[in-house]
Structure formats: C-alpha cells, structure tokens
C-alpha cells in the first residue's frame, strides 16, 4: 500500500502537483512491546523478541 502511494505521489510530483503522504514511521507490529498505533510505515524499530522457552 505504501509503495503504491509513493508511486502515485511520484506521478503527481512529476506533473507538478503537490503530494502529501502523511507517513508516520514506527513499529507497526501490534504484538510488539514497541508498537506505535499511529505508525503507518514500519521503520524497523520493533525489537526482535526471542522465545525464552527454548532450551
């Protein structure tokens, strides 16, 4: 979805139109302790949580 929006914005800018994507970077994984409900673009800040039950 973001890729399509970025492409659409590129086409608009190429025509001389204004484009505002309102991208909010952050952790987009709802199961993560760092989840940001306002984020709409995953910026890689979600921590990798390892399974503590493994031996």
PDB file of N, CA and C in Angstrom:
ATOM      1  N   UNK A   1       0.820  -1.184   0.000  1.00  0.00           N
ATOM      2  CA  UNK A   1       0.000   0.000   0.000  1.00  0.00           C
ATOM      3  C   UNK A   1       0.871   1.257   0.000  1.00  0.00           C
ATOM      4  N   UNK A   2       1.881   1.288   0.839  1.00  0.00           N
ATOM      5  CA  UNK A   2       2.764   2.459   0.873  1.00  0.00           C
ATOM      6  C   UNK A   2       3.498   2.600  -0.449  1.00  0.00           C
ATOM      7  N   UNK A   3       3.906   1.475  -1.043  1.00  0.00           N
ATOM      8  CA  UNK A   3       4.621   1.508  -2.317  1.00  0.00           C
ATOM      9  C   UNK A   3       3.738   2.137  -3.392  1.00  0.00           C
ATOM     10  N   UNK A   4       2.468   1.750  -3.437  1.00  0.00           N
ATOM     11  CA  UNK A   4       1.542   2.315  -4.425  1.00  0.00           C
ATOM     12  C   UNK A   4       1.332   3.794  -4.173  1.00  0.00           C
ATOM     13  N   UNK A   5       1.224   4.176  -2.907  1.00  0.00           N
ATOM     14  CA  UNK A   5       1.044   5.586  -2.573  1.00  0.00           C
ATOM     15  C   UNK A   5       2.267   6.394  -2.979  1.00  0.00           C
ATOM     16  N   UNK A   6       3.452   5.836  -2.747  1.00  0.00           N
ATOM     17  CA  UNK A   6       4.685   6.526  -3.124  1.00  0.00           C
ATOM     18  C   UNK A   6       4.758   6.688  -4.634  1.00  0.00           C
ATOM     19  N   UNK A   7       4.377   5.655  -5.387  1.00  0.00           N
ATOM     20  CA  UNK A   7       4.390   5.739  -6.847  1.00  0.00           C
ATOM     21  C   UNK A   7       3.396   6.794  -7.312  1.00  0.00           C
ATOM     22  N   UNK A   8       2.189   6.807  -6.735  1.00  0.00           N
ATOM     23  CA  UNK A   8       1.181   7.800  -7.104  1.00  0.00           C
ATOM     24  C   UNK A   8       1.691   9.202  -6.825  1.00  0.00           C
ATOM     25  N   UNK A   9       2.363   9.370  -5.688  1.00  0.00           N
ATOM     26  CA  UNK A   9       2.915  10.674  -5.338  1.00  0.00           C
ATOM     27  C   UNK A   9       3.978  11.078  -6.355  1.00  0.00           C
ATOM     28  N   UNK A  10       4.829  10.144  -6.766  1.00  0.00           N
ATOM     29  CA  UNK A  10       5.867  10.430  -7.755  1.00  0.00           C
ATOM     30  C   UNK A  10       5.240  10.928  -9.054  1.00  0.00           C
ATOM     31  N   UNK A  11       4.165  10.301  -9.474  1.00  0.00           N
ATOM     32  CA  UNK A  11       3.481  10.705 -10.704  1.00  0.00           C
ATOM     33  C   UNK A  11       2.910  12.111 -10.538  1.00  0.00           C
ATOM     34  N   UNK A  12       2.305  12.393  -9.375  1.00  0.00           N
ATOM     35  CA  UNK A  12       1.746  13.721  -9.140  1.00  0.00           C
ATOM     36  C   UNK A  12       2.830  14.793  -9.160  1.00  0.00           C
ATOM     37  N   UNK A  13       3.944  14.522  -8.493  1.00  0.00           N
ATOM     38  CA  UNK A  13       5.039  15.491  -8.440  1.00  0.00           C
ATOM     39  C   UNK A  13       5.620  15.698  -9.840  1.00  0.00           C
ATOM     40  N   UNK A  14       5.718  14.627 -10.602  1.00  0.00           N
ATOM     41  CA  UNK A  14       6.233  14.740 -11.967  1.00  0.00           C
ATOM     42  C   UNK A  14       5.339  15.649 -12.811  1.00  0.00           C
ATOM     43  N   UNK A  15       4.052  15.666 -12.520  1.00  0.00           N
ATOM     44  CA  UNK A  15       3.115  16.542 -13.248  1.00  0.00           C
ATOM     45  C   UNK A  15       3.126  17.954 -12.694  1.00  0.00           C
ATOM     46  N   UNK A  16       3.780  18.157 -11.548  1.00  0.00           N
ATOM     47  CA  UNK A  16       3.815  19.487 -10.954  1.00  0.00           C
ATOM     48  C   UNK A  16       2.800  19.680  -9.846  1.00  0.00           C
ATOM     49  N   UNK A  17       2.080  18.621  -9.498  1.00  0.00           N
ATOM     50  CA  UNK A  17       1.088  18.704  -8.424  1.00  0.00           C
ATOM     51  C   UNK A  17       1.765  18.530  -7.069  1.00  0.00           C
ATOM     52  N   UNK A  18       1.086  18.944  -6.006  1.00  0.00           N
ATOM     53  CA  UNK A  18       1.583  18.777  -4.638  1.00  0.00           C
ATOM     54  C   UNK A  18       1.163  17.401  -4.125  1.00  0.00           C
ATOM     55  N   UNK A  19       2.039  16.773  -3.352  1.00  0.00           N
ATOM     56  CA  UNK A  19       1.737  15.458  -2.805  1.00  0.00           C
ATOM     57  C   UNK A  19       2.097  15.427  -1.325  1.00  0.00           C
ATOM     58  N   UNK A  20       1.180  14.968  -0.498  1.00  0.00           N
ATOM     59  CA  UNK A  20       1.419  14.846   0.934  1.00  0.00           C
ATOM     60  C   UNK A  20       0.983  13.454   1.369  1.00  0.00           C
ATOM     61  N   UNK A  21       1.956  12.599   1.743  1.00  0.00           N
ATOM     62  CA  UNK A  21       1.643  11.214   2.086  1.00  0.00           C
ATOM     63  C   UNK A  21       1.293  11.011   3.554  1.00  0.00           C
ATOM     64  N   UNK A  22       1.684  11.941   4.425  1.00  0.00           N
ATOM     65  CA  UNK A  22       1.441  11.794   5.862  1.00  0.00           C
ATOM     66  C   UNK A  22       1.973  10.471   6.398  1.00  0.00           C
ATOM     67  N   UNK A  23       3.221  10.152   6.070  1.00  0.00           N
ATOM     68  CA  UNK A  23       3.839   8.923   6.543  1.00  0.00           C
ATOM     69  C   UNK A  23       4.304   9.098   7.982  1.00  0.00           C
ATOM     70  N   UNK A  24       3.976   8.112   8.819  1.00  0.00           N
ATOM     71  CA  UNK A  24       4.374   8.124  10.226  1.00  0.00           C
ATOM     72  C   UNK A  24       5.199   6.872  10.480  1.00  0.00           C
ATOM     73  N   UNK A  25       6.527   7.018  10.597  1.00  0.00           N
ATOM     74  CA  UNK A  25       7.366   5.850  10.833  1.00  0.00           C
ATOM     75  C   UNK A  25       7.253   5.352  12.271  1.00  0.00           C
ATOM     76  N   UNK A  26       7.423   4.050  12.447  1.00  0.00           N
ATOM     77  CA  UNK A  26       7.389   3.458  13.784  1.00  0.00           C
ATOM     78  C   UNK A  26       7.207   1.962  13.702  1.00  0.00           C
ATOM     79  N   UNK A  27       7.027   1.345  14.847  1.00  0.00           N
ATOM     80  CA  UNK A  27       6.818  -0.097  14.928  1.00  0.00           C
ATOM     81  C   UNK A  27       5.356  -0.401  14.634  1.00  0.00           C
ATOM     82  N   UNK A  28       5.088  -1.191  13.592  1.00  0.00           N
ATOM     83  CA  UNK A  28       3.714  -1.471  13.177  1.00  0.00           C
ATOM     84  C   UNK A  28       3.239  -2.872  13.563  1.00  0.00           C
ATOM     85  N   UNK A  29       4.006  -3.580  14.404  1.00  0.00           N
ATOM     86  CA  UNK A  29       3.644  -4.929  14.842  1.00  0.00           C
ATOM     87  C   UNK A  29       2.843  -4.838  16.143  1.00  0.00           C
ATOM     88  N   UNK A  30       1.527  -5.097  16.094  1.00  0.00           N
ATOM     89  CA  UNK A  30       0.696  -4.952  17.294  1.00  0.00           C
ATOM     90  C   UNK A  30       1.112  -5.868  18.447  1.00  0.00           C
ATOM     91  N   UNK A  31       1.830  -6.944  18.171  1.00  0.00           N
ATOM     92  CA  UNK A  31       2.242  -7.855  19.235  1.00  0.00           C
ATOM     93  C   UNK A  31       3.556  -7.420  19.895  1.00  0.00           C
ATOM     94  N   UNK A  32       4.187  -6.386  19.381  1.00  0.00           N
ATOM     95  CA  UNK A  32       5.462  -5.907  19.923  1.00  0.00           C
ATOM     96  C   UNK A  32       5.250  -4.952  21.094  1.00  0.00           C
ATOM     97  N   UNK A  33       6.199  -4.976  22.014  1.00  0.00           N
ATOM     98  CA  UNK A  33       6.138  -4.047  23.150  1.00  0.00           C
ATOM     99  C   UNK A  33       6.400  -2.610  22.710  1.00  0.00           C
ATOM    100  N   UNK A  34       6.961  -2.428  21.524  1.00  0.00           N
ATOM    101  CA  UNK A  34       7.255  -1.090  20.997  1.00  0.00           C
ATOM    102  C   UNK A  34       6.223  -0.621  19.970  1.00  0.00           C
ATOM    103  N   UNK A  35       5.089  -1.309  19.896  1.00  0.00           N
ATOM    104  CA  UNK A  35       4.045  -0.983  18.918  1.00  0.00           C
ATOM    105  C   UNK A  35       3.624   0.487  19.019  1.00  0.00           C
ATOM    106  N   UNK A  36       3.534   1.134  17.867  1.00  0.00           N
ATOM    107  CA  UNK A  36       3.073   2.521  17.798  1.00  0.00           C
ATOM    108  C   UNK A  36       1.783   2.534  16.977  1.00  0.00           C
ATOM    109  N   UNK A  37       0.636   2.721  17.617  1.00  0.00           N
ATOM    110  CA  UNK A  37      -0.638   2.674  16.882  1.00  0.00           C
ATOM    111  C   UNK A  37      -0.793   3.792  15.851  1.00  0.00           C
ATOM    112  N   UNK A  38       0.005   4.837  15.959  1.00  0.00           N
ATOM    113  CA  UNK A  38      -0.070   5.926  14.991  1.00  0.00           C
ATOM    114  C   UNK A  38       0.800   5.690  13.758  1.00  0.00           C
ATOM    115  N   UNK A  39       1.724   4.732  13.864  1.00  0.00           N
ATOM    116  CA  UNK A  39       2.651   4.456  12.756  1.00  0.00           C
ATOM    117  C   UNK A  39       1.926   3.772  11.602  1.00  0.00           C
ATOM    118  N   UNK A  40       2.258   4.192  10.389  1.00  0.00           N
ATOM    119  CA  UNK A  40       1.704   3.534   9.203  1.00  0.00           C
ATOM    120  C   UNK A  40       2.807   3.068   8.256  1.00  0.00           C
ATOM    121  N   UNK A  41       4.073   3.248   8.673  1.00  0.00           N
ATOM    122  CA  UNK A  41       5.229   2.757   7.914  1.00  0.00           C
ATOM    123  C   UNK A  41       6.190   2.103   8.903  1.00  0.00           C
ATOM    124  N   UNK A  42       6.480   0.818   8.695  1.00  0.00           N
ATOM    125  CA  UNK A  42       7.402   0.112   9.591  1.00  0.00           C
ATOM    126  C   UNK A  42       8.819   0.608   9.336  1.00  0.00           C
ATOM    127  N   UNK A  43       9.452   1.149  10.386  1.00  0.00           N
ATOM    128  CA  UNK A  43      10.809   1.685  10.238  1.00  0.00           C
ATOM    129  C   UNK A  43      11.870   0.767  10.834  1.00  0.00           C
ATOM    130  N   UNK A  44      11.491  -0.451  11.199  1.00  0.00           N
ATOM    131  CA  UNK A  44      12.461  -1.413  11.716  1.00  0.00           C
ATOM    132  C   UNK A  44      12.748  -1.273  13.195  1.00  0.00           C
ATOM    133  N   UNK A  45      11.974  -0.491  13.931  1.00  0.00           N
ATOM    134  CA  UNK A  45      12.244  -0.288  15.351  1.00  0.00           C
ATOM    135  C   UNK A  45      11.582  -1.322  16.250  1.00  0.00           C
ATOM    136  N   UNK A  46      10.805  -2.236  15.694  1.00  0.00           N
ATOM    137  CA  UNK A  46      10.226  -3.307  16.510  1.00  0.00           C
ATOM    138  C   UNK A  46      11.356  -4.247  16.924  1.00  0.00           C
ATOM    139  N   UNK A  47      11.520  -4.470  18.242  1.00  0.00           N
ATOM    140  CA  UNK A  47      12.590  -5.365  18.679  1.00  0.00           C
ATOM    141  C   UNK A  47      12.298  -6.810  18.290  1.00  0.00           C
ATOM    142  N   UNK A  48      13.341  -7.552  18.051  1.00  0.00           N
ATOM    143  CA  UNK A  48      13.196  -8.979  17.774  1.00  0.00           C
ATOM    144  C   UNK A  48      13.117  -9.678  19.123  1.00  0.00           C
ATOM    145  N   UNK A  49      11.962 -10.240  19.422  1.00  0.00           N
ATOM    146  CA  UNK A  49      11.771 -10.895  20.699  1.00  0.00           C
ATOM    147  C   UNK A  49      12.025 -12.388  20.525  1.00  0.00           C
ATOM    148  N   UNK A  50      13.018 -12.895  21.240  1.00  0.00           N
ATOM    149  CA  UNK A  50      13.379 -14.298  21.162  1.00  0.00           C
ATOM    150  C   UNK A  50      12.520 -15.110  22.108  1.00  0.00           C
ATOM    151  N   UNK A  51      12.269 -16.357  21.728  1.00  0.00           N
ATOM    152  CA  UNK A  51      11.475 -17.263  22.540  1.00  0.00           C
ATOM    153  C   UNK A  51      12.295 -17.665  23.754  1.00  0.00           C
ATOM    154  N   UNK A  52      11.848 -17.279  24.952  1.00  0.00           N
ATOM    155  CA  UNK A  52      12.604 -17.569  26.175  1.00  0.00           C
ATOM    156  C   UNK A  52      12.373 -18.995  26.664  1.00  0.00           C
ATOM    157  N   UNK A  53      11.456 -19.741  26.035  1.00  0.00           N
ATOM    158  CA  UNK A  53      11.169 -21.105  26.441  1.00  0.00           C
ATOM    159  C   UNK A  53      12.100 -22.133  25.812  1.00  0.00           C
ATOM    160  N   UNK A  54      12.908 -21.711  24.828  1.00  0.00           N
ATOM    161  CA  UNK A  54      13.788 -22.673  24.148  1.00  0.00           C
ATOM    162  C   UNK A  54      14.959 -23.048  25.042  1.00  0.00           C
ATOM    163  N   UNK A  55      15.372 -24.317  24.949  1.00  0.00           N
ATOM    164  CA  UNK A  55      16.490 -24.831  25.758  1.00  0.00           C
ATOM    165  C   UNK A  55      17.778 -24.826  24.969  1.00  0.00           C
TER     166      UNK A  55
END
